[in-house]
Protein backbone atom coordinates (compact mmCIF):
# COMPACT_ATOMS: atom_id res chain seq x y z
CA MET A 1 30.96 28.12 -45.21
CA ALA A 2 29.19 28.21 -48.59
CA ILE A 3 28.52 31.32 -50.38
CA GLU A 4 24.95 32.45 -50.05
CA GLN A 5 23.27 33.09 -53.24
CA GLN A 6 21.52 36.53 -53.33
CA SER A 7 19.07 35.86 -56.24
CA ILE A 8 17.71 33.13 -58.76
CA PRO A 9 17.82 33.73 -62.57
CA SER A 10 14.11 34.20 -63.23
CA GLY A 11 12.55 34.16 -66.45
CA ARG A 12 13.23 32.05 -69.73
CA ALA A 13 15.76 34.23 -71.15
CA SER A 14 18.09 34.59 -68.18
CA ARG A 15 17.82 30.73 -67.55
CA VAL A 16 18.72 30.08 -71.09
CA THR A 17 21.60 32.25 -70.94
CA ALA A 18 22.83 30.75 -67.79
CA LEU A 19 22.80 27.15 -69.30
CA ALA A 20 24.29 28.41 -72.47
CA GLY A 21 27.13 29.95 -70.44
CA ALA A 22 27.64 26.33 -68.90
CA GLY A 23 27.77 24.95 -72.52
CA ALA A 24 30.22 27.49 -73.52
CA LYS A 25 32.52 26.22 -70.43
CA VAL A 26 32.31 22.66 -71.85
CA GLY A 27 33.26 23.89 -75.15
CA VAL A 28 36.23 25.70 -73.86
CA ASN A 29 37.30 22.94 -71.90
CA TYR A 30 36.98 20.49 -75.02
CA LEU A 31 39.19 22.96 -77.11
CA LYS A 32 41.71 23.00 -74.24
CA HIS A 33 41.76 19.00 -73.92
CA TYR A 34 42.05 18.24 -77.91
CA SER A 35 44.71 21.26 -78.16
CA LYS A 36 46.92 19.42 -75.86
CA ARG A 37 46.36 16.19 -78.09
CA ALA A 38 47.48 17.77 -80.73
CA VAL A 39 50.58 18.94 -79.51
CA GLY A 40 51.42 15.83 -78.08
CA ALA A 41 51.02 16.65 -74.28
CA GLY A 42 48.97 14.77 -72.06
CA ALA A 43 45.36 14.91 -72.01
CA ASP A 44 43.49 13.26 -69.00
CA ASN A 45 39.96 12.12 -70.28
CA GLU A 46 38.95 12.01 -66.49
CA ALA A 47 40.30 15.45 -65.92
CA LEU A 48 38.10 16.71 -68.78
CA ASP A 49 35.04 15.01 -67.37
CA GLU A 50 35.80 16.74 -63.78
CA ALA A 51 36.02 20.13 -65.45
CA ASN A 52 33.07 19.87 -67.39
CA ALA A 53 30.88 18.36 -64.55
CA GLY A 54 32.01 21.20 -62.37
CA ALA A 55 30.80 23.90 -65.03
CA ILE A 56 27.37 21.96 -65.27
CA TYR A 57 26.93 21.58 -61.67
CA ASP A 58 27.74 25.23 -61.08
CA THR A 59 25.08 26.20 -63.41
CA PHE A 60 22.51 23.83 -62.04
CA SER A 61 23.01 24.72 -58.54
CA LYS A 62 22.27 28.32 -59.12
CA LEU A 63 19.30 27.67 -61.22
CA LYS A 64 17.96 25.34 -58.45
CA GLY A 65 14.45 23.49 -59.14
CA GLY A 66 14.26 21.56 -62.19
CA PRO A 67 17.90 21.58 -63.38
CA LEU A 68 19.23 20.66 -59.75
CA LYS A 69 16.77 17.90 -59.34
CA PHE A 70 17.63 16.51 -62.34
CA ALA A 71 21.40 16.26 -61.50
CA GLN A 72 20.21 14.69 -58.18
CA MET A 73 18.35 12.15 -59.75
CA LEU A 74 20.99 11.33 -62.25
CA SER A 75 23.64 11.03 -59.49
CA ILE A 76 21.61 7.96 -57.84
CA ASP A 77 22.20 6.00 -61.42
CA ARG A 78 25.96 5.46 -61.53
CA ASN A 79 25.29 3.69 -65.09
CA ILE A 80 24.04 6.75 -67.07
CA LEU A 81 26.84 8.96 -65.94
CA PRO A 82 30.90 8.99 -66.18
CA GLU A 83 31.83 8.98 -62.41
CA ALA A 84 32.93 12.55 -62.46
CA TYR A 85 29.55 13.77 -63.34
CA ARG A 86 27.81 11.31 -60.77
CA LYS A 87 30.23 12.58 -57.87
CA GLN A 88 29.72 16.28 -58.70
CA PHE A 89 25.87 15.80 -58.93
CA ALA A 90 25.79 13.94 -55.85
CA GLN A 91 26.12 17.43 -53.85
CA ALA A 92 22.55 18.00 -54.98
CA GLN A 93 21.33 15.50 -52.37
CA TYR A 94 21.82 17.91 -49.34
CA SER A 95 24.85 20.34 -50.13
CA ALA A 96 23.60 23.11 -52.68
CA PRO A 97 24.51 26.47 -52.17
CA PRO A 98 22.24 28.34 -50.10
CA LEU A 99 20.07 31.34 -50.50
CA SER A 100 20.53 34.42 -48.64
CA TYR A 101 18.32 35.35 -45.49
CA PRO A 102 16.60 38.18 -47.25
CA LEU A 103 14.88 35.82 -50.01
CA VAL A 104 13.92 33.49 -47.07
CA VAL A 105 12.20 36.47 -45.33
CA ARG A 106 10.47 37.55 -48.80
CA THR A 107 8.86 34.00 -48.80
CA PHE A 108 7.77 34.17 -45.10
CA LYS A 109 6.12 37.62 -45.69
CA ARG A 110 4.36 36.24 -48.86
CA GLU A 111 3.05 33.04 -47.43
CA PHE A 112 2.63 33.97 -43.78
CA GLY A 113 2.40 37.66 -43.98
CA LYS A 114 5.31 38.05 -41.46
CA GLU A 115 8.88 37.58 -40.79
CA PRO A 116 10.21 34.33 -39.41
CA LEU A 117 11.21 35.78 -36.19
CA ALA A 118 7.62 36.98 -36.00
CA ILE A 119 6.76 33.21 -35.47
CA PHE A 120 9.69 31.77 -34.05
CA ASP A 121 11.90 32.80 -31.13
CA SER A 122 14.96 32.02 -33.00
CA PHE A 123 15.78 31.32 -36.62
CA THR A 124 19.19 30.92 -38.28
CA ARG A 125 19.93 33.52 -40.93
CA SER A 126 22.08 30.85 -42.68
CA ALA A 127 20.68 27.49 -44.22
CA VAL A 128 21.72 24.40 -42.44
CA HIS A 129 20.94 22.23 -45.50
CA GLY A 130 20.28 22.95 -49.21
CA ALA A 131 19.06 20.44 -51.94
CA SER A 132 17.18 20.93 -55.07
CA ILE A 133 13.86 22.45 -54.33
CA GLY A 134 14.49 24.35 -50.79
CA GLN A 135 16.70 24.74 -48.10
CA VAL A 136 16.39 24.01 -44.04
CA HIS A 137 16.92 26.37 -41.10
CA ARG A 138 16.84 25.74 -37.57
CA ALA A 139 14.27 27.60 -35.52
CA THR A 140 13.22 27.57 -31.80
CA ILE A 141 9.94 28.38 -29.85
CA ARG A 142 10.79 28.35 -26.34
CA GLU A 143 12.72 24.83 -25.51
CA GLN A 144 11.49 23.16 -28.49
CA THR A 145 13.64 23.08 -31.92
CA PHE A 146 12.41 22.95 -35.34
CA ALA A 147 13.69 22.27 -38.62
CA VAL A 148 11.91 24.52 -41.12
CA LYS A 149 12.17 23.89 -45.08
CA VAL A 150 11.65 26.59 -47.08
CA GLN A 151 11.23 26.47 -50.86
CA TYR A 152 13.53 28.51 -53.21
CA PRO A 153 11.34 31.25 -54.77
CA GLY A 154 10.03 30.69 -58.35
CA VAL A 155 10.69 26.71 -58.25
CA ALA A 156 7.21 25.96 -59.04
CA ASP A 157 6.57 28.57 -61.59
CA SER A 158 9.37 27.93 -63.74
CA LEU A 159 9.08 23.92 -63.61
CA ASP A 160 7.83 23.39 -67.19
CA SER A 161 9.93 26.00 -68.85
CA ASP A 162 13.05 24.88 -66.86
CA LEU A 163 12.77 21.21 -68.12
CA ALA A 164 12.19 22.30 -71.72
CA VAL A 165 15.44 24.54 -71.68
CA VAL A 166 17.44 21.64 -69.59
CA LYS A 167 16.62 18.82 -71.90
CA PRO A 168 18.43 19.67 -75.13
CA VAL A 169 21.47 21.42 -73.11
CA ALA A 170 21.67 18.25 -71.19
CA LEU A 171 21.48 15.81 -74.26
CA GLN A 172 24.27 18.06 -75.58
CA ILE A 173 26.78 18.46 -73.00
CA LEU A 174 26.38 15.16 -71.45
CA GLY A 175 26.37 13.05 -74.75
CA LEU A 176 22.98 11.24 -73.66
CA LYS A 177 20.21 10.12 -76.13
CA SER A 178 16.80 11.44 -75.89
CA THR A 179 15.37 8.01 -75.58
CA GLU A 180 17.73 7.41 -72.44
CA VAL A 181 16.51 10.41 -70.35
CA GLY A 182 12.99 10.76 -71.66
CA PRO A 183 11.77 8.51 -68.91
CA TYR A 184 13.90 10.75 -66.26
CA PHE A 185 12.78 14.19 -67.63
CA GLU A 186 8.81 12.64 -67.39
CA GLU A 187 9.55 11.79 -63.67
CA VAL A 188 11.10 14.64 -62.66
CA ARG A 189 8.21 16.87 -63.93
CA GLU A 190 5.72 14.50 -62.34
CA ARG A 191 7.44 14.39 -59.05
CA LEU A 192 8.69 17.80 -59.11
CA LEU A 193 5.05 19.16 -59.44
CA GLU A 194 4.20 17.16 -56.45
CA GLU A 195 7.49 17.95 -54.49
CA THR A 196 6.62 21.85 -54.94
CA ASN A 197 3.50 21.29 -53.07
CA TYR A 198 4.46 21.43 -49.29
CA THR A 199 1.04 20.98 -48.24
CA LEU A 200 0.75 17.77 -49.94
CA GLU A 201 4.02 16.89 -48.63
CA LEU A 202 2.85 17.75 -45.15
CA GLU A 203 -0.34 15.54 -45.41
CA ARG A 204 1.87 12.36 -46.81
CA SER A 205 4.45 12.77 -44.50
CA MET A 206 1.94 12.66 -41.27
CA ALA A 207 -0.08 9.90 -43.05
CA LEU A 208 3.15 7.58 -43.76
CA SER A 209 5.21 8.26 -40.91
CA LYS A 210 2.15 7.08 -38.74
CA ALA A 211 1.25 3.99 -40.92
CA THR A 212 5.02 2.74 -40.87
CA SER A 213 6.19 3.87 -37.35
CA GLU A 214 3.85 1.39 -35.78
CA LYS A 215 5.10 -1.48 -37.78
CA ILE A 216 8.94 -1.28 -38.32
CA GLU A 217 11.57 -1.26 -35.60
CA GLY A 218 14.59 0.96 -36.08
CA ILE A 219 12.64 3.79 -37.85
CA ARG A 220 11.75 7.01 -36.36
CA PHE A 221 10.08 10.37 -38.12
CA PRO A 222 9.74 13.82 -36.84
CA GLU A 223 6.52 15.14 -35.78
CA TYR A 224 5.21 17.87 -38.14
CA TYR A 225 3.48 21.17 -37.72
CA PRO A 226 0.63 22.33 -39.81
CA GLU A 227 0.18 25.49 -37.92
CA TYR A 228 3.94 26.58 -39.03
CA SER A 229 3.41 25.15 -42.58
CA ASN A 230 2.00 26.22 -45.81
CA ARG A 231 2.42 25.29 -49.62
CA ARG A 232 6.15 26.84 -49.69
CA VAL A 233 7.02 26.44 -45.76
CA LEU A 234 7.02 23.16 -44.05
CA THR A 235 7.98 22.73 -40.39
CA MET A 236 8.79 19.59 -38.43
CA ASP A 237 10.95 18.69 -35.26
CA TRP A 238 14.53 18.93 -35.30
CA ILE A 239 16.28 15.82 -35.01
CA ASP A 240 20.16 15.38 -34.71
CA GLY A 241 21.97 12.77 -36.59
CA GLN A 242 24.45 11.91 -39.15
CA PRO A 243 23.56 11.51 -42.89
CA LEU A 244 23.80 8.13 -44.20
CA ASP A 245 26.55 8.39 -45.95
CA ARG A 246 28.81 10.16 -43.39
CA TYR A 247 27.52 7.39 -40.77
CA ALA A 248 28.70 4.69 -43.23
CA ALA A 249 32.13 6.04 -43.55
CA ALA A 250 32.40 6.52 -39.91
CA GLU A 251 30.79 3.52 -38.12
CA THR A 252 33.18 0.65 -37.42
CA ASP A 253 30.56 -1.78 -35.63
CA GLN A 254 29.37 -4.10 -38.17
CA GLU A 255 26.60 -5.01 -36.21
CA ARG A 256 25.14 -1.45 -35.81
CA ARG A 257 25.65 -0.87 -39.51
CA ASN A 258 23.62 -4.21 -40.10
CA ALA A 259 20.65 -2.72 -37.98
CA VAL A 260 20.64 0.37 -39.60
CA GLY A 261 20.70 -1.53 -43.20
CA GLN A 262 17.78 -3.95 -41.79
CA ALA A 263 15.64 -0.86 -40.86
CA ILE A 264 16.05 0.70 -43.96
CA TRP A 265 15.37 -2.46 -46.05
CA ASP A 266 12.27 -3.39 -43.74
CA PHE A 267 11.13 0.40 -44.15
CA TYR A 268 11.16 0.02 -48.27
CA HIS A 269 9.43 -3.24 -48.35
CA PHE A 270 6.55 -2.58 -45.65
CA GLN A 271 5.65 0.47 -47.61
CA ILE A 272 5.95 -0.98 -51.04
CA HIS A 273 4.17 -4.53 -50.34
CA GLN A 274 2.03 -3.57 -47.78
CA LEU A 275 1.28 0.42 -47.71
CA LYS A 276 1.55 0.21 -52.07
CA GLN A 277 3.00 3.87 -51.50
CA PHE A 278 6.44 4.24 -50.64
CA HIS A 279 9.52 6.93 -50.30
CA ALA A 280 10.82 7.43 -53.80
CA ASP A 281 13.73 9.52 -53.26
CA PRO A 282 16.08 6.88 -51.57
CA HIS A 283 19.48 8.86 -51.44
CA PRO A 284 21.82 9.04 -48.33
CA GLY A 285 20.71 12.91 -47.89
CA ASN A 286 17.22 11.77 -46.76
CA PHE A 287 18.32 9.46 -44.08
CA LEU A 288 19.85 10.24 -40.42
CA VAL A 289 21.26 8.11 -38.08
CA ASP A 290 20.61 9.13 -34.63
CA GLU A 291 22.80 8.42 -31.38
CA GLN A 292 20.59 5.52 -30.51
CA GLY A 293 21.53 4.00 -33.96
CA GLN A 294 17.75 4.44 -35.31
CA VAL A 295 17.15 5.60 -38.85
CA VAL A 296 15.29 8.87 -39.27
CA VAL A 297 13.61 9.14 -42.49
CA LEU A 298 13.38 12.49 -44.02
CA ASP A 299 11.42 14.28 -47.11
CA PHE A 300 8.08 12.63 -48.12
CA GLY A 301 7.84 15.14 -50.90
CA CYS A 302 8.68 12.35 -53.52
CA THR A 303 6.39 9.32 -53.05
CA LYS A 304 4.84 6.83 -55.39
CA GLN A 305 1.69 4.89 -55.26
CA ILE A 306 1.23 1.43 -56.95
CA ASP A 307 -2.00 -0.56 -57.61
CA GLU A 308 -2.23 -4.32 -56.88
CA GLU A 309 -2.32 -5.35 -60.48
CA PHE A 310 0.96 -3.66 -61.28
CA HIS A 311 2.60 -4.98 -57.95
CA ARG A 312 1.68 -8.53 -58.89
CA ASP A 313 3.02 -8.20 -62.62
CA TYR A 314 6.39 -6.43 -61.36
CA PHE A 315 7.10 -8.91 -58.51
CA ARG A 316 6.38 -11.98 -60.33
CA PHE A 317 10.13 -11.64 -61.36
CA LEU A 318 10.85 -12.70 -57.92
CA ASP A 319 9.71 -16.04 -58.71
CA PRO A 320 12.55 -18.31 -59.89
CA GLU A 321 9.74 -20.62 -61.96
CA VAL A 322 8.75 -17.73 -63.93
CA VAL A 323 12.42 -16.62 -64.32
CA GLU A 324 13.59 -20.04 -65.66
CA ASP A 325 10.40 -21.21 -67.85
CA GLU A 326 10.91 -19.24 -71.32
CA ALA A 327 7.13 -18.82 -71.97
CA ALA A 328 6.19 -17.68 -68.39
CA PHE A 329 9.04 -15.01 -68.54
CA ILE A 330 8.25 -13.87 -72.10
CA GLU A 331 4.42 -13.21 -70.78
CA ALA A 332 5.92 -11.50 -67.73
CA LEU A 333 7.72 -9.24 -70.07
CA GLU A 334 5.04 -8.72 -72.40
CA THR A 335 2.69 -7.77 -69.65
CA LEU A 336 4.78 -4.87 -68.36
CA ASP A 337 5.45 -3.73 -72.00
CA ILE A 338 9.40 -4.51 -71.64
CA ILE A 339 9.22 -6.19 -75.14
CA SER A 340 6.48 -5.47 -77.73
CA PRO A 341 5.28 -6.98 -81.05
CA GLU A 342 7.32 -4.02 -82.69
CA ASP A 343 10.59 -5.46 -81.88
CA SER A 344 12.67 -7.01 -84.31
CA PRO A 345 13.79 -10.94 -83.57
CA ARG A 346 17.61 -9.25 -82.72
CA ASP A 347 16.05 -6.65 -80.59
CA ARG A 348 13.71 -8.93 -79.07
CA GLU A 349 16.62 -11.65 -77.89
CA LEU A 350 18.85 -8.95 -76.72
CA ILE A 351 16.11 -7.70 -74.51
CA ILE A 352 15.01 -11.05 -73.07
CA GLU A 353 18.61 -12.07 -72.55
CA SER A 354 19.48 -8.92 -70.64
CA ALA A 355 16.24 -8.77 -68.52
CA ARG A 356 16.73 -12.49 -67.47
CA ARG A 357 20.40 -11.58 -66.30
CA GLY A 358 19.30 -8.66 -64.85
CA THR A 359 16.72 -10.26 -62.96
CA ARG A 360 18.70 -13.23 -61.94
CA LEU A 361 21.46 -10.70 -60.43
CA LEU A 362 18.94 -8.19 -58.60
CA GLY A 363 16.72 -11.01 -57.20
CA LYS A 364 19.46 -12.55 -55.55
CA PRO A 365 19.12 -11.23 -52.09
CA PHE A 366 15.80 -12.46 -52.10
CA HIS A 367 16.61 -15.94 -53.22
CA GLU A 368 19.36 -16.27 -50.41
CA GLY A 369 17.19 -14.71 -47.91
CA SER A 370 20.42 -13.72 -45.49
CA PHE A 371 22.39 -11.43 -47.98
CA ASP A 372 25.62 -9.66 -47.25
CA PHE A 373 25.89 -6.34 -49.23
CA ALA A 374 29.39 -6.06 -48.20
CA ASP A 375 30.63 -8.28 -50.66
CA ASP A 376 32.08 -5.77 -53.09
CA SER A 377 31.86 -8.28 -55.89
CA TYR A 378 27.96 -8.44 -56.03
CA MET A 379 27.46 -4.61 -56.14
CA ALA A 380 30.34 -4.46 -58.68
CA SER A 381 28.54 -6.72 -60.83
CA ILE A 382 25.36 -4.66 -60.97
CA PHE A 383 27.39 -1.63 -62.03
CA GLU A 384 29.14 -3.45 -64.64
CA MET A 385 26.21 -5.04 -66.23
CA GLY A 386 24.77 -1.45 -66.37
CA GLU A 387 28.22 -0.32 -67.82
CA GLU A 388 28.12 -3.17 -70.48
CA GLN A 389 24.36 -2.02 -71.56
CA ARG A 390 25.77 1.65 -71.63
CA ARG A 391 28.60 0.76 -73.89
CA ASN A 392 26.87 -1.88 -75.79
CA GLN A 393 25.76 0.16 -79.44
CA ASP A 394 23.33 -2.51 -80.20
CA PHE A 395 21.66 -2.14 -76.87
CA ARG A 396 21.81 1.62 -77.22
CA ASP A 397 19.85 1.24 -80.53
CA VAL A 398 16.78 -0.62 -78.92
CA ARG A 399 13.88 1.51 -78.21
CA THR A 400 14.87 2.24 -74.59
CA ALA A 401 11.61 4.02 -72.95
CA ARG A 402 9.96 0.70 -71.97
CA GLY A 403 7.47 -0.43 -69.28
CA SER A 404 5.00 1.72 -67.53
CA ALA A 405 5.69 4.88 -65.53
CA ASP A 406 5.50 3.00 -62.23
CA SER A 407 8.27 0.64 -63.18
CA ILE A 408 10.56 3.82 -63.53
CA TYR A 409 9.63 4.69 -59.99
CA LEU A 410 9.85 1.33 -58.44
CA ASN A 411 13.01 0.71 -60.19
CA ARG A 412 14.65 3.96 -58.95
CA ALA A 413 13.69 2.84 -55.42
CA TYR A 414 15.31 -0.36 -55.71
CA PHE A 415 18.48 0.99 -57.54
CA GLY A 416 18.60 3.24 -54.62
CA LEU A 417 17.99 0.85 -51.71
CA TYR A 418 20.59 -1.53 -53.06
CA SER A 419 23.01 1.40 -53.21
CA LEU A 420 22.26 2.20 -49.79
CA MET A 421 22.92 -1.40 -48.53
CA GLY A 422 26.16 -1.30 -50.46
CA LEU A 423 27.08 2.05 -49.10
CA LEU A 424 26.43 0.64 -45.33
CA LYS A 425 28.02 -2.74 -46.48
CA ALA A 426 25.12 -4.44 -44.56
CA LYS A 427 24.27 -8.08 -43.88
CA ILE A 428 20.57 -8.11 -44.01
CA GLU A 429 17.63 -10.57 -43.83
CA ALA A 430 15.57 -9.99 -47.33
CA ARG A 431 12.54 -11.82 -45.81
CA ARG A 432 11.10 -13.22 -49.02
CA ASP A 433 7.67 -13.61 -47.02
CA VAL A 434 7.05 -10.08 -47.32
CA VAL A 435 6.29 -10.26 -51.13
């Protein structure tokens, strides 16, 4: 059982001190590493990454909010971080250290004017799940069981100061460039502001689940309860099921895996292409698989809406004629501000060729129609392409903050979707007709 946190550091000074402590631990780890090398002893770079990743995640998980959300987002993109960091940060998806019950009671008294047991017949003292913004408790009223998400205290109030503190520390201890993580920080800020508003999440959850459940097979959603919800507490049905990564590790029937993958694929493409508003947090902790093999979609706190014009411009890249026609392809890149008049000839050529390679590779499922994500070589080629770009100094020197903010959210959704399909090793029908 995870050790419960009795408090969260509050105030800029205490949070800066906590992050500085993580930096100091990383420094000590480097000293040990290079001392071993100096005396001829074995110095394992992977072991160094694991030690540093553990120190950083331990601090982020105690701070919650912005730092932990940043770790969660980075864990989805395996191209930006060494593997040790990605694995460590993946814990932020649904297994962050929980807060103690007295802090939960304090939140209920502030938001409802009463304790949890004055509203529910039963309420677990310990959280059953914990993530970056809040934790989930199981509760009952008579025969009905609920999942009650309670936001960590102070997350909303400390957002801007958190990200201002985390950014330089993250750049230093993770060895990243500001241009590489700038879009991530801005996305974290915008989405996190929305995610801390549980009233907004309640409205979106009810609207999007109703619009989607009537159209997509194999998907189900919990029912939400406004009478037991407010800006810091969100109550919904409790639904039993396995988190998607655990389901993928245990399920041996390929047809069932395919059905789960198809349901998630169709869910995303219906929301992206029909509703133009989609679930923008595609990590395994936000999907359960129930005993009937249906996919339960959780957490609409992070959603993104796109307009018709952007949708048209973005999905032009699925048209093979655009990709293979030099003039049309360059025009499409310019429309999305992926290349610009300020680019040097060398940078322009590098970006165009990289974009063409990526478009051909990532568009492959759509062009083939029926596609098998069990092909490990396909997923490996995606990660290898990202790794090559990460290590290519010429590419790293190019201005990296390109494209609209809408591209960031949609790219993230597709990267997460492909990762989920690879996790399931699912064979799906990409169904180009939806675009």
